Amino acid sequence: MSNDSKEAEGTPEQGINGMDLIIDGWFHERGILWPGQAMSLQVKKVIDHHRSLYQDVLVFESTHHGNVLVLDGVIQVTERDEHSYQEMIAHLPLYAHPEPKRVLVIGGGDGGVLREIAKHECVEEIVICEIDKDVIEVSKKYLPGLACGYSDPRVTVKIMDGAKFMEENQNHFDVIITDSSDPVGPASVLFETPFYKGMHEALREGGIVCTQGECMWLHIDLIKPLINSIQRIYTDVGYAYTTIPTYPSGQIGFIIATKGRGKCDVPARIASEEVQKSLKYYSPELHQASFVLPAFAKRAIFD
């Protein structure tokens, strides 16, 4: 996940210094959106630390999770488990669409979503809008397994605000994937109704949006009102999830909404044998299973 800024403890004005979160050889992630809990990874060595125009950028090599990208004190990617997030946020909407040709990614500067989209031969155009070019640059240097997505000739990179780009490209995309930060600071607008309205206007008829949908264990108070609000805009709104050990509570969800199309819980296409062998997490069976929510979450979000 990467776009605008994510906050650990503090405010954008104060600024996060990622190096301050490394204590006795361990990086400690604490966040206002997951009070009372923390995630720690053992640090082998710090590879890069600087402040971009938008956020504090830290990359370190961990002892057991490969290289780790941290933005404003919050873990975005570890090489050990990134595939569970990247594959699901990309393949849930793409395989739910019978023939996606034009795909827009908002955020996702690490390139992992691009890598997964590129596995769909039917896609003809891939545009990524990432506001912070530094995320792209450090990913190309230190996360080549994700940033390889930029090498696909179908990819066009726009260093700009995604909402503005969508205003200029309405009724254009079959699938829009928003790989956003948590709803704190500048990224909070990505969790508000006007942004979802903008995505709806940028979709072609029959299109699908898939956005980072926070954690059912922590953020029902954010998820439910947002879904209630956008149900007035989209034809269908669903919620799916994936498991990922290094995100808060080991789980993160996806809001999947359609324009002139029904539910997305059953794949419209199946990955070829070759593509499926390249996947570590997504499968047609898991596609359907990911929409089956625990009883407490189903009641809290949809009842």
Protein backbone atom coordinates (compact mmCIF):
# COMPACT_ATOMS: atom_id res chain seq x y z
CA MET A 1 0.00 0.00 0.00
CA SER A 2 1.35 3.41 -0.85
CA ASN A 3 -0.23 6.74 -1.54
CA ASP A 4 -0.12 10.14 0.15
CA SER A 5 0.77 9.47 3.80
CA LYS A 6 0.08 7.04 6.60
CA GLU A 7 0.42 8.04 10.21
CA ALA A 8 1.89 6.17 13.12
CA GLU A 9 1.67 8.19 16.33
CA GLY A 10 1.68 11.92 15.77
CA THR A 11 0.42 14.27 13.08
CA PRO A 12 1.67 15.22 9.60
CA GLU A 13 2.84 18.55 11.02
CA GLN A 14 5.04 16.84 13.59
CA GLY A 15 6.40 14.37 11.09
CA ILE A 16 7.35 10.77 11.71
CA ASN A 17 11.00 9.76 11.87
CA GLY A 18 11.16 6.08 11.01
CA MET A 19 14.56 5.70 12.63
CA ASP A 20 13.04 6.61 16.00
CA LEU A 21 10.90 3.48 15.75
CA ILE A 22 13.95 1.20 15.68
CA ILE A 23 14.85 0.33 19.27
CA ASP A 24 17.36 -2.31 20.32
CA GLY A 25 17.47 -3.71 16.79
CA TRP A 26 13.69 -4.02 16.39
CA PHE A 27 11.32 -1.87 14.33
CA HIS A 28 8.11 -1.15 16.24
CA GLU A 29 4.94 -0.16 14.38
CA ARG A 30 2.34 1.58 16.54
CA GLY A 31 -0.69 3.33 15.06
CA ILE A 32 -3.63 5.41 16.14
CA LEU A 33 -5.90 3.17 14.06
CA TRP A 34 -4.88 0.06 16.02
CA PRO A 35 -4.69 1.24 19.65
CA GLY A 36 -3.28 -1.05 22.28
CA GLN A 37 -1.32 -3.26 19.91
CA ALA A 38 1.96 -3.13 17.98
CA MET A 39 3.90 -5.04 15.34
CA SER A 40 7.65 -5.58 15.64
CA LEU A 41 10.17 -6.86 13.11
CA GLN A 42 13.84 -7.53 13.81
CA VAL A 43 16.12 -5.28 11.76
CA LYS A 44 19.24 -6.64 10.11
CA LYS A 45 20.28 -3.32 8.58
CA VAL A 46 18.77 -0.01 7.46
CA ILE A 47 19.02 0.37 3.68
CA ASP A 48 17.45 3.78 3.07
CA HIS A 49 15.92 6.52 5.17
CA HIS A 50 14.83 9.96 4.00
CA ARG A 51 11.86 12.27 3.87
CA SER A 52 10.07 12.73 0.56
CA LEU A 53 7.84 15.67 -0.27
CA TYR A 54 4.97 13.79 1.35
CA GLN A 55 6.17 11.33 3.96
CA ASP A 56 8.96 9.63 5.89
CA VAL A 57 10.41 6.78 3.81
CA LEU A 58 12.28 3.90 5.45
CA VAL A 59 13.57 0.70 3.90
CA PHE A 60 15.30 -1.94 6.00
CA GLU A 61 16.43 -5.50 5.61
CA SER A 62 14.78 -7.66 8.25
CA THR A 63 16.08 -10.90 9.68
CA HIS A 64 13.14 -13.05 8.57
CA HIS A 65 10.85 -10.99 6.30
CA GLY A 66 13.20 -9.78 3.59
CA ASN A 67 13.28 -6.09 2.71
CA VAL A 68 10.59 -3.95 4.31
CA LEU A 69 9.11 -0.65 3.09
CA VAL A 70 7.77 1.68 5.78
CA LEU A 71 5.98 4.97 5.11
CA ASP A 72 5.38 7.39 7.98
CA GLY A 73 6.09 4.65 10.46
CA VAL A 74 3.65 2.11 8.98
CA ILE A 75 4.67 -1.15 7.27
CA GLN A 76 3.60 -1.15 3.62
CA VAL A 77 5.40 -4.18 2.21
CA THR A 78 7.53 -7.06 3.37
CA GLU A 79 8.99 -9.41 0.79
CA ARG A 80 7.84 -12.41 2.83
CA ASP A 81 4.07 -11.88 2.71
CA GLU A 82 3.34 -9.12 0.15
CA HIS A 83 1.86 -11.56 -2.36
CA SER A 84 -1.27 -12.19 -0.30
CA TYR A 85 -2.25 -8.53 -0.54
CA GLN A 86 -1.03 -7.75 -4.06
CA GLU A 87 -2.61 -10.83 -5.62
CA MET A 88 -5.99 -10.40 -3.97
CA ILE A 89 -6.47 -6.66 -4.53
CA ALA A 90 -5.62 -7.18 -8.21
CA HIS A 91 -7.13 -10.54 -9.12
CA LEU A 92 -10.45 -10.25 -7.27
CA PRO A 93 -11.71 -7.45 -9.57
CA LEU A 94 -9.81 -8.56 -12.67
CA TYR A 95 -11.05 -12.15 -12.66
CA ALA A 96 -14.56 -10.94 -11.76
CA HIS A 97 -14.57 -8.99 -15.05
CA PRO A 98 -15.06 -11.05 -18.24
CA GLU A 99 -12.72 -8.94 -20.38
CA PRO A 100 -10.90 -6.03 -18.69
CA LYS A 101 -8.95 -3.95 -21.18
CA ARG A 102 -8.20 -0.68 -19.39
CA VAL A 103 -7.03 -0.70 -15.78
CA LEU A 104 -6.21 2.23 -13.47
CA VAL A 105 -4.18 1.90 -10.27
CA ILE A 106 -4.26 4.72 -7.73
CA GLY A 107 -1.39 4.52 -5.25
CA GLY A 108 0.49 1.24 -5.34
CA GLY A 109 3.84 2.86 -6.04
CA ASP A 110 5.76 -0.25 -4.96
CA GLY A 111 4.65 -1.88 -8.24
CA GLY A 112 3.23 -5.10 -6.82
CA VAL A 113 -0.28 -4.50 -8.15
CA LEU A 114 1.17 -3.73 -11.59
CA ARG A 115 3.04 -7.04 -11.49
CA GLU A 116 -0.23 -8.89 -10.93
CA ILE A 117 -2.27 -6.94 -13.51
CA ALA A 118 0.40 -7.74 -16.11
CA LYS A 119 -0.50 -11.43 -15.79
CA HIS A 120 -3.80 -10.72 -17.58
CA GLU A 121 -3.14 -10.88 -21.31
CA CYS A 122 -6.52 -9.34 -22.13
CA VAL A 123 -5.50 -6.04 -20.50
CA GLU A 124 -4.35 -3.52 -23.09
CA GLU A 125 -3.73 -0.40 -20.98
CA ILE A 126 -2.44 -0.02 -17.41
CA VAL A 127 -2.17 3.44 -15.85
CA ILE A 128 -0.78 4.08 -12.37
CA CYS A 129 -1.24 7.39 -10.52
CA GLU A 130 1.21 7.63 -7.61
CA ILE A 131 1.59 11.00 -5.95
CA ASP A 132 4.99 10.26 -4.35
CA LYS A 133 7.72 9.46 -6.88
CA ASP A 134 10.11 8.47 -4.08
CA VAL A 135 8.01 5.37 -3.37
CA ILE A 136 8.52 4.26 -6.96
CA GLU A 137 12.25 4.98 -6.87
CA VAL A 138 13.01 3.11 -3.63
CA SER A 139 10.89 0.17 -4.76
CA LYS A 140 12.81 -0.12 -8.01
CA LYS A 141 16.07 -0.12 -6.03
CA TYR A 142 15.18 -2.30 -3.08
CA LEU A 143 12.00 -4.23 -3.96
CA PRO A 144 12.70 -5.49 -7.49
CA GLY A 145 10.34 -8.43 -7.06
CA LEU A 146 7.46 -5.97 -6.87
CA ALA A 147 8.76 -3.13 -9.05
CA CYS A 148 9.21 -5.52 -11.98
CA GLY A 149 5.62 -4.54 -12.76
CA TYR A 150 6.89 -1.25 -14.18
CA SER A 151 8.74 -3.06 -16.94
CA ASP A 152 5.53 -4.09 -18.72
CA PRO A 153 5.12 -2.01 -21.91
CA ARG A 154 1.41 -1.52 -21.23
CA VAL A 155 2.18 0.54 -18.11
CA THR A 156 1.98 4.35 -18.08
CA VAL A 157 3.11 6.18 -14.93
CA LYS A 158 1.48 9.43 -13.81
CA ILE A 159 3.05 11.26 -10.87
CA MET A 160 -0.09 13.11 -9.84
CA ASP A 161 -3.24 13.08 -7.77
CA GLY A 162 -5.48 10.20 -8.77
CA ALA A 163 -8.72 12.11 -8.27
CA LYS A 164 -7.62 14.79 -10.73
CA PHE A 165 -6.63 12.16 -13.29
CA MET A 166 -10.02 10.50 -13.02
CA GLU A 167 -11.77 13.83 -13.59
CA GLU A 168 -9.88 14.08 -16.87
CA ASN A 169 -10.60 10.47 -17.92
CA GLN A 170 -14.26 9.71 -17.34
CA ASN A 171 -16.03 6.57 -18.61
CA HIS A 172 -12.65 5.13 -19.58
CA PHE A 173 -11.59 2.24 -17.32
CA ASP A 174 -12.89 -1.29 -16.89
CA VAL A 175 -11.23 -1.79 -13.51
CA ILE A 176 -9.93 0.76 -10.98
CA ILE A 177 -7.77 -0.47 -8.09
CA THR A 178 -7.04 1.92 -5.23
CA ASP A 179 -4.06 0.68 -3.22
CA SER A 180 -4.39 3.40 -0.62
CA SER A 181 -2.99 4.30 2.73
CA ASP A 182 -4.99 4.30 5.95
CA PRO A 183 -7.60 7.08 6.36
CA VAL A 184 -5.40 9.44 8.35
CA GLY A 185 -4.02 12.74 7.07
CA PRO A 186 -4.13 13.45 3.31
CA ALA A 187 -5.15 9.88 2.47
CA SER A 188 -8.42 10.30 4.40
CA VAL A 189 -10.09 11.68 1.26
CA LEU A 190 -9.68 8.25 -0.36
CA PHE A 191 -12.16 6.87 2.19
CA GLU A 192 -14.85 9.46 1.54
CA THR A 193 -17.89 9.32 -0.73
CA PRO A 194 -16.70 11.98 -3.26
CA PHE A 195 -13.65 9.87 -4.14
CA TYR A 196 -15.85 6.83 -4.76
CA LYS A 197 -18.12 8.99 -6.89
CA GLY A 198 -15.05 10.02 -8.90
CA MET A 199 -14.11 6.38 -9.44
CA HIS A 200 -17.67 5.61 -10.54
CA GLU A 201 -17.52 8.38 -13.15
CA ALA A 202 -14.15 7.13 -14.44
CA LEU A 203 -15.50 3.59 -14.92
CA ARG A 204 -17.00 2.32 -18.12
CA GLU A 205 -20.37 0.60 -17.89
CA GLY A 206 -19.84 -2.86 -16.46
CA GLY A 207 -16.73 -1.72 -14.60
CA ILE A 208 -15.42 -2.73 -11.18
CA VAL A 209 -13.55 -0.85 -8.45
CA CYS A 210 -11.51 -2.54 -5.74
CA THR A 211 -10.09 -0.53 -2.86
CA GLN A 212 -8.10 -1.24 0.27
CA GLY A 213 -10.87 -1.70 2.84
CA GLU A 214 -9.15 -1.74 6.25
CA CYS A 215 -9.47 -4.42 8.93
CA MET A 216 -12.73 -6.01 10.10
CA TRP A 217 -11.24 -6.58 13.55
CA LEU A 218 -10.42 -2.90 14.03
CA HIS A 219 -12.31 -0.64 11.64
CA ILE A 220 -15.98 -1.62 11.38
CA ASP A 221 -16.78 1.98 12.37
CA LEU A 222 -15.01 3.13 9.17
CA ILE A 223 -16.12 0.32 6.85
CA LYS A 224 -19.89 0.27 7.53
CA PRO A 225 -20.68 3.98 6.95
CA LEU A 226 -18.55 4.06 3.81
CA ILE A 227 -20.30 1.03 2.33
CA ASN A 228 -23.70 2.45 3.32
CA SER A 229 -22.83 5.69 1.56
CA ILE A 230 -21.52 4.25 -1.71
CA GLN A 231 -24.37 1.74 -2.05
CA ARG A 232 -26.37 4.71 -3.34
CA ILE A 233 -23.83 5.16 -6.16
CA TYR A 234 -22.82 1.66 -7.26
CA THR A 235 -24.91 -1.21 -8.58
CA ASP A 236 -23.46 -3.67 -6.07
CA VAL A 237 -21.03 -3.27 -3.15
CA GLY A 238 -19.28 -6.24 -1.58
CA TYR A 239 -16.55 -6.84 0.97
CA ALA A 240 -13.79 -9.46 0.78
CA TYR A 241 -10.61 -9.99 2.75
CA THR A 242 -7.17 -11.54 2.81
CA THR A 243 -4.81 -12.64 5.57
CA ILE A 244 -1.38 -11.04 5.83
CA PRO A 245 0.76 -11.44 8.97
CA THR A 246 2.49 -8.06 8.96
CA TYR A 247 -0.63 -5.88 8.63
CA PRO A 248 -2.56 -4.92 11.80
CA SER A 249 -4.40 -7.95 13.24
CA GLY A 250 -3.07 -10.06 10.34
CA GLN A 251 -5.99 -9.23 8.06
CA ILE A 252 -7.08 -6.55 5.58
CA GLY A 253 -10.22 -6.15 3.52
CA PHE A 254 -11.28 -4.94 0.09
CA ILE A 255 -14.34 -2.95 -0.90
CA ILE A 256 -15.43 -4.18 -4.34
CA ALA A 257 -18.13 -2.22 -6.14
CA THR A 258 -19.63 -2.41 -9.62
CA LYS A 259 -21.17 -0.10 -12.22
CA GLY A 260 -23.94 -1.81 -14.15
CA ARG A 261 -22.77 -5.27 -13.09
CA GLY A 262 -23.79 -7.71 -10.36
CA LYS A 263 -21.77 -9.29 -7.59
CA CYS A 264 -18.06 -10.12 -7.94
CA ASP A 265 -17.92 -13.12 -5.60
CA VAL A 266 -17.67 -15.67 -8.44
CA PRO A 267 -14.86 -15.39 -11.04
CA ALA A 268 -15.96 -14.60 -14.58
CA ARG A 269 -12.65 -15.98 -15.84
CA ILE A 270 -10.20 -18.59 -14.54
CA ALA A 271 -6.42 -18.19 -14.56
CA SER A 272 -4.53 -20.31 -17.06
CA GLU A 273 -2.54 -23.20 -15.64
CA GLU A 274 0.67 -21.28 -16.24
CA VAL A 275 -0.56 -18.15 -14.44
CA GLN A 276 -2.03 -20.12 -11.55
CA LYS A 277 1.33 -21.81 -10.99
CA SER A 278 2.90 -18.35 -10.63
CA LEU A 279 0.44 -17.34 -7.89
CA LYS A 280 1.18 -17.92 -4.23
CA TYR A 281 -2.17 -16.95 -2.70
CA TYR A 282 -5.05 -16.32 -5.10
CA SER A 283 -7.09 -19.18 -6.55
CA PRO A 284 -10.65 -19.45 -7.94
CA GLU A 285 -11.74 -21.23 -4.76
CA LEU A 286 -10.22 -18.55 -2.54
CA HIS A 287 -11.84 -15.86 -4.70
CA GLN A 288 -15.27 -17.11 -3.63
CA ALA A 289 -14.23 -17.88 -0.06
CA SER A 290 -12.82 -14.38 0.51
CA PHE A 291 -16.33 -12.91 0.35
CA VAL A 292 -17.57 -15.19 3.15
CA LEU A 293 -17.29 -13.05 6.27
CA PRO A 294 -17.30 -14.10 9.92
CA ALA A 295 -20.77 -13.74 11.41
CA PHE A 296 -19.87 -10.68 13.50
CA ALA A 297 -18.43 -8.83 10.49
CA LYS A 298 -21.32 -9.69 8.16
CA ARG A 299 -23.84 -8.43 10.71
CA ALA A 300 -21.85 -5.30 11.52
CA ILE A 301 -21.17 -4.27 7.93
CA PHE A 302 -24.32 -5.31 6.04
CA ASP A 303 -27.19 -5.68 8.53
